[in-house]
């Protein structure tokens, strides 16, 4: 139905959108909450799975109910 109506999949299904700029900046949209936060690990709850970010000097620059920006040396992004 999503494809036939040409609706954006992320809006309809609530998928998270992750935009990575190099290895120093991430913008995450459509997340539910912050589960864990340190300078080496950020764990977020998405609609269907968790998003784990690992790195060094990780910092949440800003966050709202819809999106967040993270900076630091990003080493990995995992969906668990």
Protein backbone atom coordinates (compact mmCIF):
# COMPACT_ATOMS: atom_id res chain seq x y z
CA UNK A 1 0.00 0.00 0.00
CA UNK A 2 2.84 2.40 0.87
CA UNK A 3 4.44 1.85 -2.55
CA UNK A 4 1.21 2.11 -4.52
CA UNK A 5 0.29 5.44 -2.87
CA UNK A 6 3.88 6.71 -3.26
CA UNK A 7 4.02 7.71 0.41
CA UNK A 8 7.39 8.09 2.17
CA UNK A 9 8.17 4.74 3.81
CA UNK A 10 9.80 6.32 6.88
CA UNK A 11 6.75 8.48 7.63
CA UNK A 12 4.24 5.67 7.30
CA UNK A 13 6.21 2.90 9.01
CA UNK A 14 8.09 5.06 11.52
CA UNK A 15 11.54 3.98 10.35
CA UNK A 16 14.50 5.95 11.70
CA UNK A 17 16.43 8.06 9.21
CA UNK A 18 20.17 8.30 9.84
CA UNK A 19 22.27 10.84 7.96
CA UNK A 20 26.02 10.43 8.44
CA UNK A 21 28.48 13.19 7.54
CA UNK A 22 31.97 11.71 7.43
CA UNK A 23 32.79 10.01 10.70
CA UNK A 24 32.18 13.06 12.90
CA UNK A 25 28.47 13.89 12.67
CA UNK A 26 25.14 12.02 12.65
CA UNK A 27 21.59 13.31 12.34
CA UNK A 28 18.92 10.84 13.49
CA UNK A 29 15.24 11.36 12.79
CA UNK A 30 12.25 9.34 14.05
CA UNK A 31 13.69 7.90 17.25
CA UNK A 32 11.71 7.19 20.42
CA UNK A 33 14.17 7.82 23.23
CA UNK A 34 17.67 7.78 24.66
CA UNK A 35 18.41 4.54 26.55
CA UNK A 36 22.09 5.06 27.35
CA UNK A 37 24.47 7.98 26.91
CA UNK A 38 28.20 8.24 27.51
CA UNK A 39 31.13 9.68 25.57
CA UNK A 40 31.83 6.22 24.04
CA UNK A 41 28.30 4.77 23.61
CA UNK A 42 24.90 6.16 22.73
CA UNK A 43 21.97 3.72 22.65
CA UNK A 44 18.68 4.92 21.18
CA UNK A 45 15.29 3.26 20.94
CA UNK A 46 13.81 3.28 17.46
CA UNK A 47 10.30 2.07 16.64
CA UNK A 48 11.31 -1.50 15.76
CA UNK A 49 14.89 -1.84 17.02
CA UNK A 50 17.63 -0.16 19.00
CA UNK A 51 20.36 1.97 17.42
CA UNK A 52 23.81 1.68 18.98
CA UNK A 53 26.49 4.27 18.23
CA UNK A 54 30.05 3.66 19.39
CA UNK A 55 32.98 6.03 19.21
CA UNK A 56 35.07 8.53 21.11
CA UNK A 57 34.07 11.91 22.52
CA UNK A 58 30.43 11.36 21.47
CA UNK A 59 28.23 14.30 22.28
CA UNK A 60 24.54 14.98 21.71
CA UNK A 61 24.63 18.47 20.20
CA UNK A 62 20.84 18.84 20.37
CA UNK A 63 17.70 16.74 20.48
CA UNK A 64 13.98 17.28 20.02
CA UNK A 65 11.02 14.90 19.90
CA UNK A 66 11.71 14.35 16.18
CA UNK A 67 15.46 14.44 15.67
CA UNK A 68 18.90 14.68 17.24
CA UNK A 69 22.40 15.61 16.18
CA UNK A 70 25.45 13.73 17.51
CA UNK A 71 29.08 14.72 17.07
CA UNK A 72 32.37 12.99 17.88
CA UNK A 73 34.57 10.30 16.35
CA UNK A 74 32.00 7.73 15.20
CA UNK A 75 33.39 4.21 14.92
CA UNK A 76 30.26 2.09 14.40
CA UNK A 77 26.49 2.17 13.99
CA UNK A 78 24.63 -1.06 14.84
CA UNK A 79 20.97 -2.01 14.80
CA UNK A 80 20.10 -4.43 17.60
